């Protein structure tokens, strides 16, 4: 590959300055010949096609057009795709792998803020912070006027707190693994379920490996980090949700389709479970969804992934991969097509 191979941005144009602020863009341009003013959102655009014909490196992100056979025919010199986001499933095709094009992803960098969000929500859920905030907002006092002491810190609320809290992690994805690592300093008991992880690997992660049903039965907080595959659709349905102990909490930062929302709504309406949902099915929810009004449901607008200044972390990953590519080193975050079927 030349010292500064021809490169092309292929993503939503407005994201370029957020992913590559000036200092990072300058570093990227030191390794590849790329024009930040030309961003491909349609590979059939004549201006794009002229550059695509000599492009060796695509720098992609959210909004990248699909790399189908026609697009790849227009890019005969393409050798690498450096993705400044997470999953590459949405725009890669089997033709990419057949041509031997190497694909790198910033999924590892994007996993960190998701794991941080999950960690924060787990700790807040353990203290029942959000429900207590609403109760305090209504009552405007620290003490319960009826004398039952349900928000009086002096009465020892035995169901509240993070000491010994049992956290069940569904999915040893990048986010799941990062979360397990982030949970280590805390006094919680973590378990894992994942059909692609064996006991030896779980031991390396420092957590017991349980069947899904057992994990659901024995967790105070269940956090979802499985990929959105056909097999995983409604992974948590009515039967599975019924296994969760009364008073337990479901946290979903993965994909909404992993949970049967009708069944979950039933459990929430009954007051048996609580939920923190950063992803839903559909997304966004319809305005009349009952989930918006249930006091034991916290809905956030898909903000767990990289936001604001966190986007530069994804750009940095691409810059570092471009440096490796040009120097002839192996990419640190190359995507293995063999594992795409059961990964995000």
C-alpha atoms as a PDB file:
ATOM      1  CA  UNK A   1       0.000   0.000   0.000  1.00  0.00           C
ATOM      2  CA  UNK A   2       1.365   3.489  -0.849  1.00  0.00           C
ATOM      3  CA  UNK A   3       2.722   5.768   1.836  1.00  0.00           C
ATOM      4  CA  UNK A   4      -0.495   7.829   1.743  1.00  0.00           C
ATOM      5  CA  UNK A   5      -3.177   5.712   0.088  1.00  0.00           C
ATOM      6  CA  UNK A   6      -6.247   7.347  -1.407  1.00  0.00           C
ATOM      7  CA  UNK A   7      -9.123   7.299   1.067  1.00  0.00           C
ATOM      8  CA  UNK A   8     -12.766   8.375   1.059  1.00  0.00           C
ATOM      9  CA  UNK A   9     -15.270   9.185   3.789  1.00  0.00           C
ATOM     10  CA  UNK A  10     -18.531   7.198   3.536  1.00  0.00           C
ATOM     11  CA  UNK A  11     -20.908   8.112   6.352  1.00  0.00           C
ATOM     12  CA  UNK A  12     -23.363  10.784   7.454  1.00  0.00           C
ATOM     13  CA  UNK A  13     -21.528  14.009   6.620  1.00  0.00           C
ATOM     14  CA  UNK A  14     -22.528  15.892   9.769  1.00  0.00           C
ATOM     15  CA  UNK A  15     -20.718  13.299  11.895  1.00  0.00           C
ATOM     16  CA  UNK A  16     -17.308  13.841  10.286  1.00  0.00           C
ATOM     17  CA  UNK A  17     -16.256  16.856  12.430  1.00  0.00           C
ATOM     18  CA  UNK A  18     -17.481  15.113  15.595  1.00  0.00           C
ATOM     19  CA  UNK A  19     -15.633  11.883  14.859  1.00  0.00           C
ATOM     20  CA  UNK A  20     -12.564  13.719  13.572  1.00  0.00           C
ATOM     21  CA  UNK A  21     -12.089  17.092  15.270  1.00  0.00           C
ATOM     22  CA  UNK A  22      -9.240  19.174  13.785  1.00  0.00           C
ATOM     23  CA  UNK A  23      -6.342  17.508  15.585  1.00  0.00           C
ATOM     24  CA  UNK A  24      -7.563  14.004  14.762  1.00  0.00           C
ATOM     25  CA  UNK A  25      -8.372  14.924  11.162  1.00  0.00           C
ATOM     26  CA  UNK A  26      -4.851  16.254  10.721  1.00  0.00           C
ATOM     27  CA  UNK A  27      -3.447  12.983  12.072  1.00  0.00           C
ATOM     28  CA  UNK A  28      -5.666  10.966   9.754  1.00  0.00           C
ATOM     29  CA  UNK A  29      -4.590  13.019   6.736  1.00  0.00           C
ATOM     30  CA  UNK A  30      -0.960  12.355   7.635  1.00  0.00           C
ATOM     31  CA  UNK A  31      -1.591   8.683   6.913  1.00  0.00           C
ATOM     32  CA  UNK A  32      -4.136   8.761   4.077  1.00  0.00           C
ATOM     33  CA  UNK A  33      -5.025  11.141   1.256  1.00  0.00           C
ATOM     34  CA  UNK A  34      -8.589  12.066   2.158  1.00  0.00           C
ATOM     35  CA  UNK A  35     -10.753  15.094   1.391  1.00  0.00           C
ATOM     36  CA  UNK A  36     -13.063  15.966   4.314  1.00  0.00           C
ATOM     37  CA  UNK A  37     -15.223  18.000   1.935  1.00  0.00           C
ATOM     38  CA  UNK A  38     -16.168  14.907  -0.068  1.00  0.00           C
ATOM     39  CA  UNK A  39     -18.321  12.494   1.943  1.00  0.00           C
ATOM     40  CA  UNK A  40     -20.043   9.620   0.147  1.00  0.00           C
ATOM     41  CA  UNK A  41     -23.686   9.048   0.967  1.00  0.00           C
ATOM     42  CA  UNK A  42     -24.425   7.527  -2.437  1.00  0.00           C
ATOM     43  CA  UNK A  43     -21.850   5.470  -4.305  1.00  0.00           C
ATOM     44  CA  UNK A  44     -23.553   6.263  -7.622  1.00  0.00           C
ATOM     45  CA  UNK A  45     -22.857  10.008  -7.302  1.00  0.00           C
ATOM     46  CA  UNK A  46     -20.537  10.944 -10.216  1.00  0.00           C
ATOM     47  CA  UNK A  47     -18.178  12.974  -7.981  1.00  0.00           C
ATOM     48  CA  UNK A  48     -17.935  10.105  -5.552  1.00  0.00           C
ATOM     49  CA  UNK A  49     -17.401   7.534  -8.277  1.00  0.00           C
ATOM     50  CA  UNK A  50     -14.413   9.410  -9.678  1.00  0.00           C
ATOM     51  CA  UNK A  51     -12.637   9.200  -6.322  1.00  0.00           C
ATOM     52  CA  UNK A  52     -14.002   5.745  -5.542  1.00  0.00           C
ATOM     53  CA  UNK A  53     -12.297   4.368  -8.641  1.00  0.00           C
ATOM     54  CA  UNK A  54      -8.891   4.982  -7.070  1.00  0.00           C
ATOM     55  CA  UNK A  55      -9.846   4.601  -3.395  1.00  0.00           C
ATOM     56  CA  UNK A  56      -7.902   2.047  -1.371  1.00  0.00           C
ATOM     57  CA  UNK A  57      -9.282   2.870   2.075  1.00  0.00           C
ATOM     58  CA  UNK A  58     -12.864   3.685   3.018  1.00  0.00           C
ATOM     59  CA  UNK A  59     -13.395   5.516   6.298  1.00  0.00           C
ATOM     60  CA  UNK A  60     -16.961   4.642   7.219  1.00  0.00           C
ATOM     61  CA  UNK A  61     -19.444   5.345   9.988  1.00  0.00           C
ATOM     62  CA  UNK A  62     -23.165   5.560  10.673  1.00  0.00           C
ATOM     63  CA  UNK A  63     -24.967   6.173   7.401  1.00  0.00           C
ATOM     64  CA  UNK A  64     -22.451   4.389   5.175  1.00  0.00           C
ATOM     65  CA  UNK A  65     -24.052   3.213   1.906  1.00  0.00           C
ATOM     66  CA  UNK A  66     -24.229  -0.541   1.400  1.00  0.00           C
ATOM     67  CA  UNK A  67     -21.061  -2.115   0.016  1.00  0.00           C
ATOM     68  CA  UNK A  68     -22.769  -4.394  -2.472  1.00  0.00           C
ATOM     69  CA  UNK A  69     -21.305  -5.863  -5.656  1.00  0.00           C
ATOM     70  CA  UNK A  70     -22.092  -2.739  -7.701  1.00  0.00           C
ATOM     71  CA  UNK A  71     -20.358  -0.438  -5.229  1.00  0.00           C
ATOM     72  CA  UNK A  72     -17.337  -2.704  -5.040  1.00  0.00           C
ATOM     73  CA  UNK A  73     -17.102  -2.925  -8.819  1.00  0.00           C
ATOM     74  CA  UNK A  74     -16.731   0.857  -8.768  1.00  0.00           C
ATOM     75  CA  UNK A  75     -13.907   0.536  -6.230  1.00  0.00           C
ATOM     76  CA  UNK A  76     -11.505  -1.980  -7.806  1.00  0.00           C
ATOM     77  CA  UNK A  77      -8.539  -0.829  -5.690  1.00  0.00           C
ATOM     78  CA  UNK A  78     -10.338  -0.972  -2.334  1.00  0.00           C
ATOM     79  CA  UNK A  79      -8.272  -2.861   0.231  1.00  0.00           C
ATOM     80  CA  UNK A  80      -9.525  -1.751   3.638  1.00  0.00           C
ATOM     81  CA  UNK A  81     -12.603  -0.394   5.414  1.00  0.00           C
ATOM     82  CA  UNK A  82     -12.000   1.457   8.689  1.00  0.00           C
ATOM     83  CA  UNK A  83     -15.324   1.849  10.485  1.00  0.00           C
ATOM     84  CA  UNK A  84     -15.693   4.703  12.987  1.00  0.00           C
ATOM     85  CA  UNK A  85     -18.655   3.057  14.704  1.00  0.00           C
ATOM     86  CA  UNK A  86     -19.708  -0.330  16.059  1.00  0.00           C
ATOM     87  CA  UNK A  87     -21.418  -3.034  14.024  1.00  0.00           C
ATOM     88  CA  UNK A  88     -20.511  -3.427  10.353  1.00  0.00           C
ATOM     89  CA  UNK A  89     -23.473  -5.687   9.610  1.00  0.00           C
ATOM     90  CA  UNK A  90     -25.621  -2.906   8.242  1.00  0.00           C
ATOM     91  CA  UNK A  91     -23.434  -2.047   5.261  1.00  0.00           C
ATOM     92  CA  UNK A  92     -21.084  -4.957   4.561  1.00  0.00           C
ATOM     93  CA  UNK A  93     -22.068  -7.821   2.263  1.00  0.00           C
ATOM     94  CA  UNK A  94     -20.572 -11.261   1.539  1.00  0.00           C
ATOM     95  CA  UNK A  95     -18.883  -9.696  -1.488  1.00  0.00           C
ATOM     96  CA  UNK A  96     -16.666  -7.643   0.831  1.00  0.00           C
ATOM     97  CA  UNK A  97     -15.232 -10.787   2.404  1.00  0.00           C
ATOM     98  CA  UNK A  98     -14.982 -12.638  -0.921  1.00  0.00           C
ATOM     99  CA  UNK A  99     -12.739  -9.877  -2.232  1.00  0.00           C
ATOM    100  CA  UNK A 100     -10.455 -10.167   0.782  1.00  0.00           C
ATOM    101  CA  UNK A 101     -11.080  -6.595   1.919  1.00  0.00           C
ATOM    102  CA  UNK A 102     -10.010  -6.122   5.523  1.00  0.00           C
ATOM    103  CA  UNK A 103     -12.602  -4.474   7.748  1.00  0.00           C
ATOM    104  CA  UNK A 104     -11.846  -2.804  11.053  1.00  0.00           C
ATOM    105  CA  UNK A 105     -14.402  -1.565  13.573  1.00  0.00           C
ATOM    106  CA  UNK A 106     -14.337   0.862  16.485  1.00  0.00           C
ATOM    107  CA  UNK A 107     -16.815  -1.376  18.325  1.00  0.00           C
ATOM    108  CA  UNK A 108     -14.408  -1.783  21.235  1.00  0.00           C
ATOM    109  CA  UNK A 109     -14.260   1.983  21.731  1.00  0.00           C
ATOM    110  CA  UNK A 110     -18.032   2.282  21.412  1.00  0.00           C
ATOM    111  CA  UNK A 111     -18.493  -0.451  24.033  1.00  0.00           C
ATOM    112  CA  UNK A 112     -17.015   1.686  26.800  1.00  0.00           C
ATOM    113  CA  UNK A 113     -19.764   4.337  27.137  1.00  0.00           C
ATOM    114  CA  UNK A 114     -22.442   1.632  26.888  1.00  0.00           C
ATOM    115  CA  UNK A 115     -20.794  -0.319  29.697  1.00  0.00           C
ATOM    116  CA  UNK A 116     -20.451   2.887  31.724  1.00  0.00           C
ATOM    117  CA  UNK A 117     -24.168   3.633  31.265  1.00  0.00           C
ATOM    118  CA  UNK A 118     -25.072   0.075  32.305  1.00  0.00           C
ATOM    119  CA  UNK A 119     -22.816   0.317  35.355  1.00  0.00           C
ATOM    120  CA  UNK A 120     -24.400   3.615  36.396  1.00  0.00           C
ATOM    121  CA  UNK A 121     -27.924   2.280  35.997  1.00  0.00           C
ATOM    122  CA  UNK A 122     -27.096  -0.921  37.896  1.00  0.00           C
ATOM    123  CA  UNK A 123     -25.766   1.047  40.858  1.00  0.00           C
ATOM    124  CA  UNK A 124     -28.676   3.497  40.767  1.00  0.00           C
ATOM    125  CA  UNK A 125     -31.174   0.637  40.501  1.00  0.00           C
ATOM    126  CA  UNK A 126     -29.567  -1.055  43.483  1.00  0.00           C
ATOM    127  CA  UNK A 127     -30.327   2.036  45.545  1.00  0.00           C
ATOM    128  CA  UNK A 128     -33.765   2.469  43.930  1.00  0.00           C
ATOM    129  CA  UNK A 129     -32.697   6.037  43.206  1.00  0.00           C
ATOM    130  CA  UNK A 130     -35.042   6.879  40.357  1.00  0.00           C
ATOM    131  CA  UNK A 131     -38.209   5.637  42.064  1.00  0.00           C
ATOM    132  CA  UNK A 132     -37.205   7.375  45.274  1.00  0.00           C
ATOM    133  CA  UNK A 133     -36.579  10.603  43.380  1.00  0.00           C
ATOM    134  CA  UNK A 134     -40.151  10.481  42.067  1.00  0.00           C
ATOM    135  CA  UNK A 135     -41.518   9.679  45.514  1.00  0.00           C
ATOM    136  CA  UNK A 136     -39.639  12.571  47.055  1.00  0.00           C
ATOM    137  CA  UNK A 137     -40.840  14.888  44.290  1.00  0.00           C
ATOM    138  CA  UNK A 138     -44.426  13.931  45.160  1.00  0.00           C
ATOM    139  CA  UNK A 139     -44.172  13.984  48.965  1.00  0.00           C
ATOM    140  CA  UNK A 140     -41.599  16.765  49.412  1.00  0.00           C
ATOM    141  CA  UNK A 141     -40.305  15.099  52.565  1.00  0.00           C
ATOM    142  CA  UNK A 142     -37.761  12.475  53.506  1.00  0.00           C
ATOM    143  CA  UNK A 143     -40.262  10.694  55.750  1.00  0.00           C
ATOM    144  CA  UNK A 144     -43.413   8.841  54.901  1.00  0.00           C
ATOM    145  CA  UNK A 145     -46.431  10.618  56.353  1.00  0.00           C
ATOM    146  CA  UNK A 146     -48.131   7.262  56.937  1.00  0.00           C
ATOM    147  CA  UNK A 147     -45.307   6.128  59.167  1.00  0.00           C
ATOM    148  CA  UNK A 148     -44.340   3.031  57.197  1.00  0.00           C
ATOM    149  CA  UNK A 149     -40.830   4.401  56.713  1.00  0.00           C
ATOM    150  CA  UNK A 150     -40.420   3.256  53.114  1.00  0.00           C
ATOM    151  CA  UNK A 151     -38.153   6.196  52.345  1.00  0.00           C
ATOM    152  CA  UNK A 152     -36.832   6.877  55.833  1.00  0.00           C
ATOM    153  CA  UNK A 153     -33.093   6.026  55.815  1.00  0.00           C
ATOM    154  CA  UNK A 154     -33.273   5.365  59.540  1.00  0.00           C
ATOM    155  CA  UNK A 155     -35.601   2.400  59.215  1.00  0.00           C
ATOM    156  CA  UNK A 156     -33.104   0.172  57.397  1.00  0.00           C
ATOM    157  CA  UNK A 157     -34.676  -0.582  54.037  1.00  0.00           C
ATOM    158  CA  UNK A 158     -33.373  -4.124  53.710  1.00  0.00           C
ATOM    159  CA  UNK A 159     -34.330  -4.503  50.047  1.00  0.00           C
ATOM    160  CA  UNK A 160     -32.276  -1.465  49.041  1.00  0.00           C
ATOM    161  CA  UNK A 161     -28.531  -1.191  48.567  1.00  0.00           C
ATOM    162  CA  UNK A 162     -25.673  -2.614  46.517  1.00  0.00           C
ATOM    163  CA  UNK A 163     -23.943  -4.708  49.171  1.00  0.00           C
ATOM    164  CA  UNK A 164     -23.980  -8.258  47.797  1.00  0.00           C
ATOM    165  CA  UNK A 165     -26.371  -7.316  44.986  1.00  0.00           C
ATOM    166  CA  UNK A 166     -26.626 -10.130  42.404  1.00  0.00           C
ATOM    167  CA  UNK A 167     -26.028  -8.889  38.849  1.00  0.00           C
ATOM    168  CA  UNK A 168     -26.719 -11.202  35.911  1.00  0.00           C
ATOM    169  CA  UNK A 169     -25.001 -10.342  32.628  1.00  0.00           C
ATOM    170  CA  UNK A 170     -26.616 -11.783  29.492  1.00  0.00           C
ATOM    171  CA  UNK A 171     -24.026 -11.859  26.725  1.00  0.00           C
ATOM    172  CA  UNK A 172     -20.224 -11.747  26.817  1.00  0.00           C
ATOM    173  CA  UNK A 173     -20.130  -9.171  24.052  1.00  0.00           C
ATOM    174  CA  UNK A 174     -17.574  -6.368  24.080  1.00  0.00           C
ATOM    175  CA  UNK A 175     -19.976  -4.382  26.250  1.00  0.00           C
ATOM    176  CA  UNK A 176     -20.728  -7.355  28.484  1.00  0.00           C
ATOM    177  CA  UNK A 177     -17.039  -8.050  29.044  1.00  0.00           C
ATOM    178  CA  UNK A 178     -16.258  -4.398  29.679  1.00  0.00           C
ATOM    179  CA  UNK A 179     -19.122  -4.199  32.171  1.00  0.00           C
ATOM    180  CA  UNK A 180     -17.862  -7.264  34.030  1.00  0.00           C
ATOM    181  CA  UNK A 181     -14.504  -5.510  34.328  1.00  0.00           C
ATOM    182  CA  UNK A 182     -16.110  -2.250  35.520  1.00  0.00           C
ATOM    183  CA  UNK A 183     -18.134  -4.101  38.171  1.00  0.00           C
ATOM    184  CA  UNK A 184     -15.048  -5.657  39.806  1.00  0.00           C
ATOM    185  CA  UNK A 185     -14.367  -2.863  42.339  1.00  0.00           C
ATOM    186  CA  UNK A 186     -17.943  -3.025  43.629  1.00  0.00           C
ATOM    187  CA  UNK A 187     -19.337  -5.333  46.277  1.00  0.00           C
ATOM    188  CA  UNK A 188     -21.694  -7.148  43.922  1.00  0.00           C
ATOM    189  CA  UNK A 189     -21.922 -10.764  42.776  1.00  0.00           C
ATOM    190  CA  UNK A 190     -21.785 -11.086  39.002  1.00  0.00           C
ATOM    191  CA  UNK A 191     -22.813 -14.089  36.917  1.00  0.00           C
ATOM    192  CA  UNK A 192     -22.853 -14.605  33.148  1.00  0.00           C
ATOM    193  CA  UNK A 193     -24.858 -16.493  30.570  1.00  0.00           C
ATOM    194  CA  UNK A 194     -23.710 -16.859  26.970  1.00  0.00           C
ATOM    195  CA  UNK A 195     -24.070 -19.934  24.717  1.00  0.00           C
ATOM    196  CA  UNK A 196     -20.732 -19.168  23.043  1.00  0.00           C
ATOM    197  CA  UNK A 197     -18.699 -19.008  26.260  1.00  0.00           C
ATOM    198  CA  UNK A 198     -17.351 -22.104  27.997  1.00  0.00           C
ATOM    199  CA  UNK A 199     -16.548 -22.422  31.734  1.00  0.00           C
ATOM    200  CA  UNK A 200     -12.823 -21.917  31.110  1.00  0.00           C
ATOM    201  CA  UNK A 201     -13.385 -18.588  29.412  1.00  0.00           C
ATOM    202  CA  UNK A 202     -15.898 -17.553  32.075  1.00  0.00           C
ATOM    203  CA  UNK A 203     -13.282 -18.359  34.707  1.00  0.00           C
ATOM    204  CA  UNK A 204     -10.848 -16.073  32.885  1.00  0.00           C
ATOM    205  CA  UNK A 205     -13.490 -13.353  33.087  1.00  0.00           C
ATOM    206  CA  UNK A 206     -13.803 -14.096  36.794  1.00  0.00           C
ATOM    207  CA  UNK A 207     -17.513 -14.922  36.816  1.00  0.00           C
ATOM    208  CA  UNK A 208     -19.600 -18.098  37.142  1.00  0.00           C
ATOM    209  CA  UNK A 209     -21.307 -19.280  33.947  1.00  0.00           C
ATOM    210  CA  UNK A 210     -24.997 -20.121  34.356  1.00  0.00           C
ATOM    211  CA  UNK A 211     -27.804 -21.295  32.070  1.00  0.00           C
ATOM    212  CA  UNK A 212     -30.147 -18.433  31.194  1.00  0.00           C
ATOM    213  CA  UNK A 213     -32.994 -19.672  33.402  1.00  0.00           C
ATOM    214  CA  UNK A 214     -30.739 -20.035  36.422  1.00  0.00           C
ATOM    215  CA  UNK A 215     -29.277 -16.571  35.908  1.00  0.00           C
ATOM    216  CA  UNK A 216     -32.745 -15.049  35.703  1.00  0.00           C
ATOM    217  CA  UNK A 217     -33.892 -16.832  38.876  1.00  0.00           C
ATOM    218  CA  UNK A 218     -30.872 -15.756  40.910  1.00  0.00           C
ATOM    219  CA  UNK A 219     -30.275 -12.127  39.832  1.00  0.00           C
ATOM    220  CA  UNK A 220     -31.497  -8.931  41.456  1.00  0.00           C
ATOM    221  CA  UNK A 221     -30.511  -6.977  38.359  1.00  0.00           C
ATOM    222  CA  UNK A 222     -30.332  -8.449  34.850  1.00  0.00           C
ATOM    223  CA  UNK A 223     -28.429  -6.529  32.185  1.00  0.00           C
ATOM    224  CA  UNK A 224     -28.710  -7.391  28.478  1.00  0.00           C
ATOM    225  CA  UNK A 225     -25.657  -7.399  26.180  1.00  0.00           C
ATOM    226  CA  UNK A 226     -26.557 -10.017  23.579  1.00  0.00           C
ATOM    227  CA  UNK A 227     -26.546  -9.398  19.804  1.00  0.00           C
ATOM    228  CA  UNK A 228     -29.701  -8.841  17.793  1.00  0.00           C
ATOM    229  CA  UNK A 229     -30.011 -12.091  15.835  1.00  0.00           C
ATOM    230  CA  UNK A 230     -33.008 -14.085  14.649  1.00  0.00           C
ATOM    231  CA  UNK A 231     -32.387 -16.643  17.396  1.00  0.00           C
ATOM    232  CA  UNK A 232     -32.203 -13.966  20.087  1.00  0.00           C
ATOM    233  CA  UNK A 233     -35.472 -12.219  19.203  1.00  0.00           C
ATOM    234  CA  UNK A 234     -37.614 -12.102  22.364  1.00  0.00           C
ATOM    235  CA  UNK A 235     -34.843 -13.850  24.259  1.00  0.00           C
ATOM    236  CA  UNK A 236     -36.699 -12.570  27.293  1.00  0.00           C
ATOM    237  CA  UNK A 237     -40.357 -13.425  26.762  1.00  0.00           C
ATOM    238  CA  UNK A 238     -43.189 -13.992  29.191  1.00  0.00           C
ATOM    239  CA  UNK A 239     -41.753 -17.287  30.483  1.00  0.00           C
ATOM    240  CA  UNK A 240     -38.284 -15.856  31.048  1.00  0.00           C
ATOM    241  CA  UNK A 241     -39.476 -12.616  32.660  1.00  0.00           C
ATOM    242  CA  UNK A 242     -41.642 -14.646  35.039  1.00  0.00           C
ATOM    243  CA  UNK A 243     -38.474 -16.337  36.330  1.00  0.00           C
ATOM    244  CA  UNK A 244     -37.025 -13.041  37.562  1.00  0.00           C
ATOM    245  CA  UNK A 245     -37.515 -12.475  41.305  1.00  0.00           C
ATOM    246  CA  UNK A 246     -40.165 -10.000  42.388  1.00  0.00           C
ATOM    247  CA  UNK A 247     -38.494  -6.617  42.857  1.00  0.00           C
ATOM    248  CA  UNK A 248     -35.720  -7.289  40.366  1.00  0.00           C
ATOM    249  CA  UNK A 249     -34.661  -4.903  37.599  1.00  0.00           C
ATOM    250  CA  UNK A 250     -34.053  -5.391  33.882  1.00  0.00           C
ATOM    251  CA  UNK A 251     -31.509  -3.101  32.167  1.00  0.00           C
ATOM    252  CA  UNK A 252     -31.409  -3.192  28.352  1.00  0.00           C
ATOM    253  CA  UNK A 253     -28.729  -1.314  26.426  1.00  0.00           C
ATOM    254  CA  UNK A 254     -28.449  -3.914  23.651  1.00  0.00           C
ATOM    255  CA  UNK A 255     -31.430  -4.092  21.275  1.00  0.00           C
ATOM    256  CA  UNK A 256     -35.131  -3.686  21.959  1.00  0.00           C
ATOM    257  CA  UNK A 257     -36.085  -6.818  20.020  1.00  0.00           C
ATOM    258  CA  UNK A 258     -34.380  -8.988  22.639  1.00  0.00           C
ATOM    259  CA  UNK A 259     -37.336  -8.364  24.966  1.00  0.00           C
ATOM    260  CA  UNK A 260     -41.020  -9.087  24.439  1.00  0.00           C
ATOM    261  CA  UNK A 261     -42.342  -5.621  25.283  1.00  0.00           C
ATOM    262  CA  UNK A 262     -45.927  -6.787  25.772  1.00  0.00           C
ATOM    263  CA  UNK A 263     -44.802  -9.318  28.355  1.00  0.00           C
ATOM    264  CA  UNK A 264     -42.517  -6.783  30.020  1.00  0.00           C
ATOM    265  CA  UNK A 265     -45.296  -4.196  30.146  1.00  0.00           C
ATOM    266  CA  UNK A 266     -47.484  -6.749  31.906  1.00  0.00           C
ATOM    267  CA  UNK A 267     -44.819  -7.403  34.540  1.00  0.00           C
ATOM    268  CA  UNK A 268     -44.254  -3.685  35.041  1.00  0.00           C
ATOM    269  CA  UNK A 269     -47.957  -2.924  35.326  1.00  0.00           C
ATOM    270  CA  UNK A 270     -48.231  -5.625  37.984  1.00  0.00           C
ATOM    271  CA  UNK A 271     -45.428  -3.892  39.873  1.00  0.00           C
ATOM    272  CA  UNK A 272     -43.408  -7.092  40.006  1.00  0.00           C
ATOM    273  CA  UNK A 273     -40.374  -5.854  38.039  1.00  0.00           C
ATOM    274  CA  UNK A 274     -38.707  -2.576  37.148  1.00  0.00           C
ATOM    275  CA  UNK A 275     -36.863  -1.753  33.935  1.00  0.00           C
ATOM    276  CA  UNK A 276     -34.297   0.645  32.528  1.00  0.00           C
ATOM    277  CA  UNK A 277     -34.602   0.681  28.736  1.00  0.00           C
ATOM    278  CA  UNK A 278     -32.201   2.640  26.549  1.00  0.00           C
ATOM    279  CA  UNK A 279     -33.396   0.619  23.537  1.00  0.00           C
ATOM    280  CA  UNK A 280     -36.947  -0.378  22.669  1.00  0.00           C
ATOM    281  CA  UNK A 281     -38.965  -2.226  20.059  1.00  0.00           C
ATOM    282  CA  UNK A 282     -40.047  -0.307  18.066  1.00  0.00           C
ATOM    283  CA  UNK A 283     -37.581   2.526  18.410  1.00  0.00           C
ATOM    284  CA  UNK A 284     -38.678   5.117  19.205  1.00  0.00           C
ATOM    285  CA  UNK A 285     -41.752   3.917  21.019  1.00  0.00           C
ATOM    286  CA  UNK A 286     -45.124   5.246  19.814  1.00  0.00           C
ATOM    287  CA  UNK A 287     -46.201   8.302  21.817  1.00  0.00           C
ATOM    288  CA  UNK A 288     -49.056   6.365  23.419  1.00  0.00           C
ATOM    289  CA  UNK A 289     -46.846   3.553  24.715  1.00  0.00           C
ATOM    290  CA  UNK A 290     -47.761   2.733  28.337  1.00  0.00           C
ATOM    291  CA  UNK A 291     -44.057   2.381  29.119  1.00  0.00           C
ATOM    292  CA  UNK A 292     -43.703   6.164  29.188  1.00  0.00           C
ATOM    293  CA  UNK A 293     -46.161   6.444  32.066  1.00  0.00           C
ATOM    294  CA  UNK A 294     -45.223   3.497  34.236  1.00  0.00           C
ATOM    295  CA  UNK A 295     -43.360   4.692  37.356  1.00  0.00           C
ATOM    296  CA  UNK A 296     -41.145   1.595  37.403  1.00  0.00           C
ATOM    297  CA  UNK A 297     -39.954   2.050  33.807  1.00  0.00           C
ATOM    298  CA  UNK A 298     -37.070   4.383  32.961  1.00  0.00           C
ATOM    299  CA  UNK A 299     -36.867   5.068  29.216  1.00  0.00           C
ATOM    300  CA  UNK A 300     -33.875   6.894  27.740  1.00  0.00           C
ATOM    301  CA  UNK A 301     -33.473   7.817  24.047  1.00  0.00           C
ATOM    302  CA  UNK A 302     -30.715   5.396  22.966  1.00  0.00           C
ATOM    303  CA  UNK A 303     -27.977   7.482  24.574  1.00  0.00           C
ATOM    304  CA  UNK A 304     -25.800   4.738  26.080  1.00  0.00           C
ATOM    305  CA  UNK A 305     -23.545   4.545  23.017  1.00  0.00           C
ATOM    306  CA  UNK A 306     -21.036   7.196  22.031  1.00  0.00           C
ATOM    307  CA  UNK A 307     -22.448  10.710  22.278  1.00  0.00           C
ATOM    308  CA  UNK A 308     -20.958  14.197  21.947  1.00  0.00           C
ATOM    309  CA  UNK A 309     -17.271  14.266  22.804  1.00  0.00           C
ATOM    310  CA  UNK A 310     -17.225  10.454  23.056  1.00  0.00           C
ATOM    311  CA  UNK A 311     -17.397  10.276  19.255  1.00  0.00           C
ATOM    312  CA  UNK A 312     -13.774  11.410  19.029  1.00  0.00           C
ATOM    313  CA  UNK A 313     -12.786   8.147  20.733  1.00  0.00           C
ATOM    314  CA  UNK A 314     -14.156   6.308  17.679  1.00  0.00           C
ATOM    315  CA  UNK A 315     -12.252   8.597  15.348  1.00  0.00           C
ATOM    316  CA  UNK A 316      -9.071   8.011  17.308  1.00  0.00           C
ATOM    317  CA  UNK A 317      -9.505   4.264  16.832  1.00  0.00           C
ATOM    318  CA  UNK A 318      -9.692   4.779  13.052  1.00  0.00           C
ATOM    319  CA  UNK A 319      -6.615   7.027  13.048  1.00  0.00           C
ATOM    320  CA  UNK A 320      -4.632   4.405  14.963  1.00  0.00           C
ATOM    321  CA  UNK A 321      -5.811   1.693  12.563  1.00  0.00           C
ATOM    322  CA  UNK A 322      -4.810   3.856   9.567  1.00  0.00           C
ATOM    323  CA  UNK A 323      -1.347   4.198  11.059  1.00  0.00           C
ATOM    324  CA  UNK A 324      -1.077   0.426  11.429  1.00  0.00           C
ATOM    325  CA  UNK A 325      -2.361  -0.121   7.912  1.00  0.00           C
ATOM    326  CA  UNK A 326       0.147   2.218   6.302  1.00  0.00           C
ATOM    327  CA  UNK A 327       3.040   0.859   8.376  1.00  0.00           C
ATOM    328  CA  UNK A 328       2.199  -2.711   7.385  1.00  0.00           C
ATOM    329  CA  UNK A 329       1.231  -3.782  10.901  1.00  0.00           C
ATOM    330  CA  UNK A 330      -1.754  -5.992  11.666  1.00  0.00           C
ATOM    331  CA  UNK A 331      -4.956  -4.126  12.459  1.00  0.00           C
ATOM    332  CA  UNK A 332      -5.889  -4.223  16.136  1.00  0.00           C
ATOM    333  CA  UNK A 333      -9.633  -4.285  15.554  1.00  0.00           C
ATOM    334  CA  UNK A 334     -10.098  -6.352  12.417  1.00  0.00           C
ATOM    335  CA  UNK A 335     -13.556  -7.894  12.056  1.00  0.00           C
ATOM    336  CA  UNK A 336     -13.684 -11.679  11.749  1.00  0.00           C
ATOM    337  CA  UNK A 337     -16.512 -12.522   9.329  1.00  0.00           C
ATOM    338  CA  UNK A 338     -16.765 -15.988  10.881  1.00  0.00           C
ATOM    339  CA  UNK A 339     -18.152 -14.565  14.108  1.00  0.00           C
ATOM    340  CA  UNK A 340     -20.461 -11.953  12.595  1.00  0.00           C
ATOM    341  CA  UNK A 341     -23.405 -14.341  12.602  1.00  0.00           C
ATOM    342  CA  UNK A 342     -23.559 -14.403  16.398  1.00  0.00           C
ATOM    343  CA  UNK A 343     -22.174 -10.962  17.178  1.00  0.00           C
ATOM    344  CA  UNK A 344     -23.426  -7.412  16.905  1.00  0.00           C
END
